[in-house]
PDB file of N, CA and C in Angstrom:
ATOM      1  N   MET A   1      19.630   4.792  33.151  1.00  0.00           N
ATOM      2  CA  MET A   1      18.248   4.353  33.232  1.00  0.00           C
ATOM      3  C   MET A   1      17.791   4.483  34.681  1.00  0.00           C
ATOM      4  N   SER A   2      16.593   4.968  34.862  1.00  0.00           N
ATOM      5  CA  SER A   2      16.101   5.155  36.217  1.00  0.00           C
ATOM      6  C   SER A   2      15.820   3.803  36.864  1.00  0.00           C
ATOM      7  N   LYS A   3      15.709   3.828  38.175  1.00  0.00           N
ATOM      8  CA  LYS A   3      15.441   2.580  38.908  1.00  0.00           C
ATOM      9  C   LYS A   3      14.093   1.997  38.499  1.00  0.00           C
ATOM     10  N   ALA A   4      13.099   2.855  38.335  1.00  0.00           N
ATOM     11  CA  ALA A   4      11.766   2.375  37.959  1.00  0.00           C
ATOM     12  C   ALA A   4      11.793   1.748  36.566  1.00  0.00           C
ATOM     13  N   ALA A   5      12.490   2.389  35.645  1.00  0.00           N
ATOM     14  CA  ALA A   5      12.576   1.858  34.281  1.00  0.00           C
ATOM     15  C   ALA A   5      13.312   0.526  34.274  1.00  0.00           C
ATOM     16  N   GLU A   6      14.369   0.430  35.045  1.00  0.00           N
ATOM     17  CA  GLU A   6      15.133  -0.820  35.150  1.00  0.00           C
ATOM     18  C   GLU A   6      14.269  -1.929  35.746  1.00  0.00           C
ATOM     19  N   ARG A   7      13.494  -1.597  36.759  1.00  0.00           N
ATOM     20  CA  ARG A   7      12.610  -2.570  37.396  1.00  0.00           C
ATOM     21  C   ARG A   7      11.559  -3.073  36.395  1.00  0.00           C
ATOM     22  N   MET A   8      10.988  -2.151  35.623  1.00  0.00           N
ATOM     23  CA  MET A   8       9.983  -2.534  34.631  1.00  0.00           C
ATOM     24  C   MET A   8      10.597  -3.403  33.537  1.00  0.00           C
ATOM     25  N   ARG A   9      11.834  -3.081  33.124  1.00  0.00           N
ATOM     26  CA  ARG A   9      12.505  -3.879  32.101  1.00  0.00           C
ATOM     27  C   ARG A   9      12.741  -5.294  32.594  1.00  0.00           C
ATOM     28  N   ARG A  10      13.213  -5.437  33.833  1.00  0.00           N
ATOM     29  CA  ARG A  10      13.456  -6.782  34.401  1.00  0.00           C
ATOM     30  C   ARG A  10      12.150  -7.557  34.495  1.00  0.00           C
ATOM     31  N   LYS A  11      11.075  -6.879  34.905  1.00  0.00           N
ATOM     32  CA  LYS A  11       9.770  -7.537  35.022  1.00  0.00           C
ATOM     33  C   LYS A  11       9.298  -8.005  33.650  1.00  0.00           C
ATOM     34  N   ARG A  12       9.440  -7.153  32.647  1.00  0.00           N
ATOM     35  CA  ARG A  12       9.024  -7.494  31.290  1.00  0.00           C
ATOM     36  C   ARG A  12       9.853  -8.656  30.741  1.00  0.00           C
ATOM     37  N   ASP A  13      11.162  -8.662  31.018  1.00  0.00           N
ATOM     38  CA  ASP A  13      12.033  -9.732  30.543  1.00  0.00           C
ATOM     39  C   ASP A  13      11.676 -11.066  31.178  1.00  0.00           C
ATOM     40  N   ALA A  14      11.195 -11.049  32.421  1.00  0.00           N
ATOM     41  CA  ALA A  14      10.860 -12.279  33.141  1.00  0.00           C
ATOM     42  C   ALA A  14       9.467 -12.787  32.779  1.00  0.00           C
ATOM     43  N   GLU A  15       8.690 -11.982  32.084  1.00  0.00           N
ATOM     44  CA  GLU A  15       7.311 -12.295  31.766  1.00  0.00           C
ATOM     45  C   GLU A  15       7.241 -13.400  30.692  1.00  0.00           C
ATOM     46  N   SER A  16       6.323 -14.336  30.865  1.00  0.00           N
ATOM     47  CA  SER A  16       6.148 -15.387  29.869  1.00  0.00           C
ATOM     48  C   SER A  16       5.392 -14.838  28.672  1.00  0.00           C
ATOM     49  N   GLU A  17       5.383 -15.583  27.573  1.00  0.00           N
ATOM     50  CA  GLU A  17       4.683 -15.141  26.369  1.00  0.00           C
ATOM     51  C   GLU A  17       3.187 -15.007  26.638  1.00  0.00           C
ATOM     52  N   ALA A  18       2.631 -15.947  27.388  1.00  0.00           N
ATOM     53  CA  ALA A  18       1.198 -15.891  27.714  1.00  0.00           C
ATOM     54  C   ALA A  18       0.887 -14.645  28.542  1.00  0.00           C
ATOM     55  N   GLU A  19       1.758 -14.339  29.499  1.00  0.00           N
ATOM     56  CA  GLU A  19       1.547 -13.145  30.330  1.00  0.00           C
ATOM     57  C   GLU A  19       1.636 -11.875  29.488  1.00  0.00           C
ATOM     58  N   THR A  20       2.574 -11.879  28.538  1.00  0.00           N
ATOM     59  CA  THR A  20       2.718 -10.725  27.656  1.00  0.00           C
ATOM     60  C   THR A  20       1.456 -10.526  26.834  1.00  0.00           C
ATOM     61  N   LYS A  21       0.950 -11.633  26.250  1.00  0.00           N
ATOM     62  CA  LYS A  21      -0.279 -11.537  25.445  1.00  0.00           C
ATOM     63  C   LYS A  21      -1.443 -11.049  26.294  1.00  0.00           C
ATOM     64  N   GLU A  22      -1.537 -11.549  27.523  1.00  0.00           N
ATOM     65  CA  GLU A  22      -2.626 -11.142  28.416  1.00  0.00           C
ATOM     66  C   GLU A  22      -2.518  -9.656  28.748  1.00  0.00           C
ATOM     67  N   ARG A  23      -1.296  -9.199  29.050  1.00  0.00           N
ATOM     68  CA  ARG A  23      -1.078  -7.792  29.396  1.00  0.00           C
ATOM     69  C   ARG A  23      -1.442  -6.893  28.220  1.00  0.00           C
ATOM     70  N   LEU A  24      -1.013  -7.275  27.010  1.00  0.00           N
ATOM     71  CA  LEU A  24      -1.314  -6.473  25.831  1.00  0.00           C
ATOM     72  C   LEU A  24      -2.809  -6.497  25.519  1.00  0.00           C
ATOM     73  N   SER A  25      -3.434  -7.649  25.733  1.00  0.00           N
ATOM     74  CA  SER A  25      -4.871  -7.763  25.504  1.00  0.00           C
ATOM     75  C   SER A  25      -5.645  -6.858  26.452  1.00  0.00           C
ATOM     76  N   LYS A  26      -5.230  -6.837  27.715  1.00  0.00           N
ATOM     77  CA  LYS A  26      -5.883  -5.970  28.696  1.00  0.00           C
ATOM     78  C   LYS A  26      -5.709  -4.499  28.322  1.00  0.00           C
ATOM     79  N   ALA A  27      -4.498  -4.142  27.865  1.00  0.00           N
ATOM     80  CA  ALA A  27      -4.239  -2.757  27.477  1.00  0.00           C
ATOM     81  C   ALA A  27      -5.103  -2.375  26.279  1.00  0.00           C
ATOM     82  N   ALA A  28      -5.225  -3.285  25.316  1.00  0.00           N
ATOM     83  CA  ALA A  28      -6.056  -3.019  24.139  1.00  0.00           C
ATOM     84  C   ALA A  28      -7.519  -2.847  24.544  1.00  0.00           C
ATOM     85  N   GLU A  29      -7.976  -3.675  25.476  1.00  0.00           N
ATOM     86  CA  GLU A  29      -9.363  -3.574  25.945  1.00  0.00           C
ATOM     87  C   GLU A  29      -9.599  -2.235  26.639  1.00  0.00           C
ATOM     88  N   ARG A  30      -8.629  -1.792  27.460  1.00  0.00           N
ATOM     89  CA  ARG A  30      -8.753  -0.484  28.120  1.00  0.00           C
ATOM     90  C   ARG A  30      -8.847   0.634  27.079  1.00  0.00           C
ATOM     91  N   MET A  31      -8.021   0.537  26.046  1.00  0.00           N
ATOM     92  CA  MET A  31      -8.040   1.562  25.008  1.00  0.00           C
ATOM     93  C   MET A  31      -9.371   1.558  24.260  1.00  0.00           C
ATOM     94  N   ARG A  32      -9.910   0.359  23.977  1.00  0.00           N
ATOM     95  CA  ARG A  32     -11.208   0.261  23.303  1.00  0.00           C
ATOM     96  C   ARG A  32     -12.310   0.881  24.150  1.00  0.00           C
ATOM     97  N   ARG A  33     -12.305   0.567  25.471  1.00  0.00           N
ATOM     98  CA  ARG A  33     -13.331   1.138  26.358  1.00  0.00           C
ATOM     99  C   ARG A  33     -13.225   2.656  26.396  1.00  0.00           C
ATOM    100  N   LYS A  34     -11.998   3.159  26.455  1.00  0.00           N
ATOM    101  CA  LYS A  34     -11.793   4.603  26.496  1.00  0.00           C
ATOM    102  C   LYS A  34     -12.289   5.239  25.200  1.00  0.00           C
ATOM    103  N   ARG A  35     -11.946   4.622  24.078  1.00  0.00           N
ATOM    104  CA  ARG A  35     -12.377   5.147  22.777  1.00  0.00           C
ATOM    105  C   ARG A  35     -13.896   5.117  22.652  1.00  0.00           C
ATOM    106  N   ASP A  36     -14.508   4.014  23.091  1.00  0.00           N
ATOM    107  CA  ASP A  36     -15.958   3.891  22.994  1.00  0.00           C
ATOM    108  C   ASP A  36     -16.679   4.898  23.887  1.00  0.00           C
ATOM    109  N   ALA A  37     -16.062   5.251  25.004  1.00  0.00           N
ATOM    110  CA  ALA A  37     -16.677   6.199  25.930  1.00  0.00           C
ATOM    111  C   ALA A  37     -16.525   7.640  25.455  1.00  0.00           C
ATOM    112  N   GLU A  38     -15.611   7.847  24.525  1.00  0.00           N
ATOM    113  CA  GLU A  38     -15.332   9.190  24.045  1.00  0.00           C
ATOM    114  C   GLU A  38     -16.413   9.621  23.056  1.00  0.00           C
ATOM    115  N   SER A  39     -16.904  10.813  23.203  1.00  0.00           N
ATOM    116  CA  SER A  39     -17.935  11.300  22.289  1.00  0.00           C
ATOM    117  C   SER A  39     -17.296  11.699  20.955  1.00  0.00           C
ATOM    118  N   LYS A  40     -18.143  11.874  19.928  1.00  0.00           N
ATOM    119  CA  LYS A  40     -17.628  12.285  18.616  1.00  0.00           C
ATOM    120  C   LYS A  40     -16.933  13.639  18.713  1.00  0.00           C
ATOM    121  N   ALA A  41     -17.491  14.527  19.515  1.00  0.00           N
ATOM    122  CA  ALA A  41     -16.896  15.861  19.663  1.00  0.00           C
ATOM    123  C   ALA A  41     -15.509  15.761  20.287  1.00  0.00           C
ATOM    124  N   GLU A  42     -15.383  14.912  21.307  1.00  0.00           N
ATOM    125  CA  GLU A  42     -14.077  14.738  21.955  1.00  0.00           C
ATOM    126  C   GLU A  42     -13.069  14.137  20.986  1.00  0.00           C
ATOM    127  N   THR A  43     -13.522  13.165  20.196  1.00  0.00           N
ATOM    128  CA  THR A  43     -12.642  12.541  19.208  1.00  0.00           C
ATOM    129  C   THR A  43     -12.169  13.580  18.206  1.00  0.00           C
ATOM    130  N   LYS A  44     -13.109  14.366  17.703  1.00  0.00           N
ATOM    131  CA  LYS A  44     -12.773  15.406  16.723  1.00  0.00           C
ATOM    132  C   LYS A  44     -11.796  16.412  17.327  1.00  0.00           C
ATOM    133  N   GLU A  45     -12.048  16.781  18.580  1.00  0.00           N
ATOM    134  CA  GLU A  45     -11.172  17.746  19.262  1.00  0.00           C
ATOM    135  C   GLU A  45      -9.762  17.190  19.414  1.00  0.00           C
ATOM    136  N   SER A  46      -9.642  15.925  19.837  1.00  0.00           N
ATOM    137  CA  SER A  46      -8.306  15.355  20.035  1.00  0.00           C
ATOM    138  C   SER A  46      -7.573  15.227  18.705  1.00  0.00           C
ATOM    139  N   LEU A  47      -8.299  14.892  17.634  1.00  0.00           N
ATOM    140  CA  LEU A  47      -7.659  14.809  16.321  1.00  0.00           C
ATOM    141  C   LEU A  47      -7.207  16.174  15.833  1.00  0.00           C
ATOM    142  N   SER A  48      -8.028  17.204  16.083  1.00  0.00           N
ATOM    143  CA  SER A  48      -7.633  18.543  15.637  1.00  0.00           C
ATOM    144  C   SER A  48      -6.446  19.052  16.454  1.00  0.00           C
ATOM    145  N   LYS A  49      -6.383  18.695  17.741  1.00  0.00           N
ATOM    146  CA  LYS A  49      -5.226  19.078  18.564  1.00  0.00           C
ATOM    147  C   LYS A  49      -3.963  18.411  18.031  1.00  0.00           C
ATOM    148  N   ALA A  50      -4.066  17.128  17.664  1.00  0.00           N
ATOM    149  CA  ALA A  50      -2.905  16.409  17.127  1.00  0.00           C
ATOM    150  C   ALA A  50      -2.454  17.037  15.811  1.00  0.00           C
ATOM    151  N   ALA A  51      -3.422  17.388  14.962  1.00  0.00           N
ATOM    152  CA  ALA A  51      -3.093  18.022  13.689  1.00  0.00           C
ATOM    153  C   ALA A  51      -2.416  19.370  13.913  1.00  0.00           C
ATOM    154  N   GLU A  52      -2.906  20.118  14.890  1.00  0.00           N
ATOM    155  CA  GLU A  52      -2.305  21.423  15.205  1.00  0.00           C
ATOM    156  C   GLU A  52      -0.873  21.258  15.706  1.00  0.00           C
ATOM    157  N   ARG A  53      -0.645  20.243  16.566  1.00  0.00           N
ATOM    158  CA  ARG A  53       0.723  19.976  17.051  1.00  0.00           C
ATOM    159  C   ARG A  53       1.643  19.651  15.882  1.00  0.00           C
ATOM    160  N   MET A  54       1.160  18.846  14.950  1.00  0.00           N
ATOM    161  CA  MET A  54       1.968  18.477  13.786  1.00  0.00           C
ATOM    162  C   MET A  54       2.261  19.703  12.923  1.00  0.00           C
ATOM    163  N   ARG A  55       1.265  20.566  12.746  1.00  0.00           N
ATOM    164  CA  ARG A  55       1.466  21.791  11.962  1.00  0.00           C
ATOM    165  C   ARG A  55       2.518  22.687  12.617  1.00  0.00           C
ATOM    166  N   ARG A  56       2.412  22.853  13.953  1.00  0.00           N
ATOM    167  CA  ARG A  56       3.398  23.689  14.662  1.00  0.00           C
ATOM    168  C   ARG A  56       4.796  23.113  14.515  1.00  0.00           C
ATOM    169  N   LYS A  57       4.918  21.803  14.629  1.00  0.00           N
ATOM    170  CA  LYS A  57       6.224  21.146  14.498  1.00  0.00           C
ATOM    171  C   LYS A  57       6.771  21.356  13.093  1.00  0.00           C
ATOM    172  N   ARG A  58       5.912  21.185  12.090  1.00  0.00           N
ATOM    173  CA  ARG A  58       6.337  21.356  10.701  1.00  0.00           C
ATOM    174  C   ARG A  58       6.761  22.800  10.437  1.00  0.00           C
ATOM    175  N   ASP A  59       5.975  23.740  10.961  1.00  0.00           N
ATOM    176  CA  ASP A  59       6.275  25.147  10.743  1.00  0.00           C
ATOM    177  C   ASP A  59       7.556  25.573  11.453  1.00  0.00           C
ATOM    178  N   ALA A  60       7.887  24.906  12.544  1.00  0.00           N
ATOM    179  CA  ALA A  60       9.082  25.252  13.303  1.00  0.00           C
ATOM    180  C   ALA A  60      10.350  24.700  12.643  1.00  0.00           C
ATOM    181  N   GLU A  61      10.166  23.716  11.758  1.00  0.00           N
ATOM    182  CA  GLU A  61      11.313  23.124  11.092  1.00  0.00           C
ATOM    183  C   GLU A  61      11.887  24.101  10.076  1.00  0.00           C
ATOM    184  N   SER A  62      13.182  24.250  10.079  1.00  0.00           N
ATOM    185  CA  SER A  62      13.793  25.109   9.074  1.00  0.00           C
ATOM    186  C   SER A  62      13.874  24.350   7.757  1.00  0.00           C
ATOM    187  N   GLU A  63      14.101  25.080   6.686  1.00  0.00           N
ATOM    188  CA  GLU A  63      14.204  24.440   5.369  1.00  0.00           C
ATOM    189  C   GLU A  63      15.354  23.442   5.339  1.00  0.00           C
ATOM    190  N   ALA A  64      16.456  23.774   6.010  1.00  0.00           N
ATOM    191  CA  ALA A  64      17.598  22.863   6.058  1.00  0.00           C
ATOM    192  C   ALA A  64      17.236  21.561   6.768  1.00  0.00           C
ATOM    193  N   GLU A  65      16.475  21.678   7.855  1.00  0.00           N
ATOM    194  CA  GLU A  65      16.052  20.477   8.580  1.00  0.00           C
ATOM    195  C   GLU A  65      15.128  19.619   7.727  1.00  0.00           C
ATOM    196  N   ILE A  66      14.255  20.285   6.981  1.00  0.00           N
ATOM    197  CA  ILE A  66      13.338  19.549   6.101  1.00  0.00           C
ATOM    198  C   ILE A  66      14.132  18.794   5.045  1.00  0.00           C
ATOM    199  N   ASN A  67      15.092  19.479   4.420  1.00  0.00           N
ATOM    200  CA  ASN A  67      15.919  18.839   3.392  1.00  0.00           C
ATOM    201  C   ASN A  67      16.707  17.667   3.980  1.00  0.00           C
ATOM    202  N   GLU A  68      17.265  17.868   5.166  1.00  0.00           N
ATOM    203  CA  GLU A  68      18.028  16.807   5.813  1.00  0.00           C
ATOM    204  C   GLU A  68      17.138  15.587   6.100  1.00  0.00           C
ATOM    205  N   ARG A  69      15.938  15.840   6.605  1.00  0.00           N
ATOM    206  CA  ARG A  69      15.014  14.747   6.905  1.00  0.00           C
ATOM    207  C   ARG A  69      14.639  14.003   5.629  1.00  0.00           C
ATOM    208  N   GLN A  70      14.357  14.745   4.565  1.00  0.00           N
ATOM    209  CA  GLN A  70      13.984  14.112   3.299  1.00  0.00           C
ATOM    210  C   GLN A  70      15.136  13.291   2.730  1.00  0.00           C
ATOM    211  N   GLN A  71      16.372  13.803   2.860  1.00  0.00           N
ATOM    212  CA  GLN A  71      17.540  13.058   2.366  1.00  0.00           C
ATOM    213  C   GLN A  71      17.737  11.774   3.162  1.00  0.00           C
ATOM    214  N   LYS A  72      17.548  11.861   4.487  1.00  0.00           N
ATOM    215  CA  LYS A  72      17.677  10.666   5.318  1.00  0.00           C
ATOM    216  C   LYS A  72      16.623   9.631   4.943  1.00  0.00           C
ATOM    217  N   ASN A  73      15.393  10.085   4.719  1.00  0.00           N
ATOM    218  CA  ASN A  73      14.324   9.168   4.321  1.00  0.00           C
ATOM    219  C   ASN A  73      14.640   8.519   2.980  1.00  0.00           C
ATOM    220  N   ALA A  74      15.142   9.309   2.030  1.00  0.00           N
ATOM    221  CA  ALA A  74      15.479   8.767   0.715  1.00  0.00           C
ATOM    222  C   ALA A  74      16.613   7.749   0.817  1.00  0.00           C
ATOM    223  N   ALA A  75      17.616   8.050   1.644  1.00  0.00           N
ATOM    224  CA  ALA A  75      18.743   7.121   1.827  1.00  0.00           C
ATOM    225  C   ALA A  75      18.272   5.825   2.473  1.00  0.00           C
ATOM    226  N   ARG A  76      17.390   5.952   3.452  1.00  0.00           N
ATOM    227  CA  ARG A  76      16.853   4.767   4.131  1.00  0.00           C
ATOM    228  C   ARG A  76      16.069   3.902   3.145  1.00  0.00           C
ATOM    229  N   THR A  77      15.254   4.539   2.317  1.00  0.00           N
ATOM    230  CA  THR A  77      14.472   3.817   1.312  1.00  0.00           C
ATOM    231  C   THR A  77      15.385   3.136   0.306  1.00  0.00           C
ATOM    232  N   LYS A  78      16.446   3.837  -0.123  1.00  0.00           N
ATOM    233  CA  LYS A  78      17.385   3.266  -1.090  1.00  0.00           C
ATOM    234  C   LYS A  78      18.082   2.040  -0.504  1.00  0.00           C
ATOM    235  N   LEU A  79      18.522   2.137   0.742  1.00  0.00           N
ATOM    236  CA  LEU A  79      19.160   0.987   1.393  1.00  0.00           C
ATOM    237  C   LEU A  79      18.209  -0.199   1.472  1.00  0.00           C
ATOM    238  N   LYS A  80      16.970   0.093   1.813  1.00  0.00           N
ATOM    239  CA  LYS A  80      15.965  -0.961   1.929  1.00  0.00           C
ATOM    240  C   LYS A  80      15.740  -1.626   0.577  1.00  0.00           C
ATOM    241  N   ARG A  81      15.620  -0.825  -0.468  1.00  0.00           N
ATOM    242  CA  ARG A  81      15.394  -1.356  -1.814  1.00  0.00           C
ATOM    243  C   ARG A  81      16.606  -2.149  -2.297  1.00  0.00           C
ATOM    244  N   ASP A  82      17.818  -1.681  -1.977  1.00  0.00           N
ATOM    245  CA  ASP A  82      19.028  -2.385  -2.391  1.00  0.00           C
ATOM    246  C   ASP A  82      19.123  -3.757  -1.734  1.00  0.00           C
ATOM    247  N   ALA A  83      18.618  -3.858  -0.513  1.00  0.00           N
ATOM    248  CA  ALA A  83      18.679  -5.117   0.229  1.00  0.00           C
ATOM    249  C   ALA A  83      17.557  -6.064  -0.173  1.00  0.00           C
ATOM    250  N   GLU A  84      16.619  -5.573  -0.923  1.00  0.00           N
ATOM    251  CA  GLU A  84      15.429  -6.336  -1.295  1.00  0.00           C
ATOM    252  C   GLU A  84      15.753  -7.308  -2.433  1.00  0.00           C
ATOM    253  N   SER A  85      15.250  -8.520  -2.341  1.00  0.00           N
ATOM    254  CA  SER A  85      15.457  -9.491  -3.423  1.00  0.00           C
ATOM    255  C   SER A  85      14.532  -9.148  -4.587  1.00  0.00           C
ATOM    256  N   GLU A  86      14.774  -9.772  -5.739  1.00  0.00           N
ATOM    257  CA  GLU A  86      13.946  -9.506  -6.918  1.00  0.00           C
ATOM    258  C   GLU A  86      12.500  -9.939  -6.669  1.00  0.00           C
ATOM    259  N   ALA A  87      12.311 -11.061  -5.976  1.00  0.00           N
ATOM    260  CA  ALA A  87      10.963 -11.543  -5.672  1.00  0.00           C
ATOM    261  C   ALA A  87      10.239 -10.541  -4.776  1.00  0.00           C
ATOM    262  N   GLU A  88      10.953 -10.008  -3.775  1.00  0.00           N
ATOM    263  CA  GLU A  88      10.345  -9.023  -2.879  1.00  0.00           C
ATOM    264  C   GLU A  88       9.987  -7.747  -3.638  1.00  0.00           C
ATOM    265  N   THR A  89      10.848  -7.369  -4.579  1.00  0.00           N
ATOM    266  CA  THR A  89      10.583  -6.175  -5.391  1.00  0.00           C
ATOM    267  C   THR A  89       9.312  -6.374  -6.197  1.00  0.00           C
ATOM    268  N   ASN A  90       9.208  -7.545  -6.854  1.00  0.00           N
ATOM    269  CA  ASN A  90       8.009  -7.828  -7.651  1.00  0.00           C
ATOM    270  C   ASN A  90       6.761  -7.824  -6.782  1.00  0.00           C
ATOM    271  N   GLU A  91       6.857  -8.431  -5.608  1.00  0.00           N
ATOM    272  CA  GLU A  91       5.713  -8.486  -4.692  1.00  0.00           C
ATOM    273  C   GLU A  91       5.301  -7.077  -4.260  1.00  0.00           C
ATOM    274  N   ARG A  92       6.279  -6.236  -3.913  1.00  0.00           N
ATOM    275  CA  ARG A  92       5.994  -4.869  -3.490  1.00  0.00           C
ATOM    276  C   ARG A  92       5.337  -4.079  -4.619  1.00  0.00           C
ATOM    277  N   GLN A  93       5.848  -4.250  -5.852  1.00  0.00           N
ATOM    278  CA  GLN A  93       5.275  -3.538  -6.991  1.00  0.00           C
ATOM    279  C   GLN A  93       3.844  -3.992  -7.264  1.00  0.00           C
ATOM    280  N   GLN A  94       3.586  -5.296  -7.114  1.00  0.00           N
ATOM    281  CA  GLN A  94       2.230  -5.805  -7.308  1.00  0.00           C
ATOM    282  C   GLN A  94       1.285  -5.237  -6.249  1.00  0.00           C
ATOM    283  N   GLN A  95       1.761  -5.166  -5.004  1.00  0.00           N
ATOM    284  CA  GLN A  95       0.938  -4.605  -3.927  1.00  0.00           C
ATOM    285  C   GLN A  95       0.627  -3.138  -4.198  1.00  0.00           C
ATOM    286  N   ASN A  96       1.633  -2.402  -4.657  1.00  0.00           N
ATOM    287  CA  ASN A  96       1.416  -0.984  -4.977  1.00  0.00           C
ATOM    288  C   ASN A  96       0.435  -0.831  -6.118  1.00  0.00           C
ATOM    289  N   ALA A  97       0.546  -1.687  -7.124  1.00  0.00           N
ATOM    290  CA  ALA A  97      -0.364  -1.628  -8.276  1.00  0.00           C
ATOM    291  C   ALA A  97      -1.787  -1.953  -7.832  1.00  0.00           C
ATOM    292  N   ALA A  98      -1.933  -2.954  -6.963  1.00  0.00           N
ATOM    293  CA  ALA A  98      -3.257  -3.333  -6.478  1.00  0.00           C
ATOM    294  C   ALA A  98      -3.868  -2.212  -5.645  1.00  0.00           C
ATOM    295  N   ARG A  99      -3.030  -1.511  -4.902  1.00  0.00           N
ATOM    296  CA  ARG A  99      -3.507  -0.421  -4.058  1.00  0.00           C
ATOM    297  C   ARG A  99      -3.996   0.756  -4.902  1.00  0.00           C
ATOM    298  N   THR A 100      -3.344   0.997  -6.040  1.00  0.00           N
ATOM    299  CA  THR A 100      -3.711   2.150  -6.871  1.00  0.00           C
ATOM    300  C   THR A 100      -4.904   1.859  -7.772  1.00  0.00           C
ATOM    301  N   ASN A 101      -5.205   0.578  -7.957  1.00  0.00           N
ATOM    302  CA  ASN A 101      -6.356   0.215  -8.834  1.00  0.00           C
ATOM    303  C   ASN A 101      -7.644   0.207  -8.085  1.00  0.00           C
TER     304      ASN A 101
END
């Protein structure tokens, strides 16, 4: 870990909960101001750039990598479902049903 990263980690660890909330609130406010100052054209451009980056990444993935990623996702989902209680399963199914209706 670099010295700067270590210094930031120590500072963050020493920070109180109130200071953390204040820091995050300030960051959120900066992001809101930046977003509000951005024109619709700039927003559209940044979204299309992000979509293009995602397309390039997807296109660069080989079929084997895609299959591996999908298998990992399926295994992760299966583990999560296996660890889920019956009540949690029912709640999740109800939420999914409500979302589709």
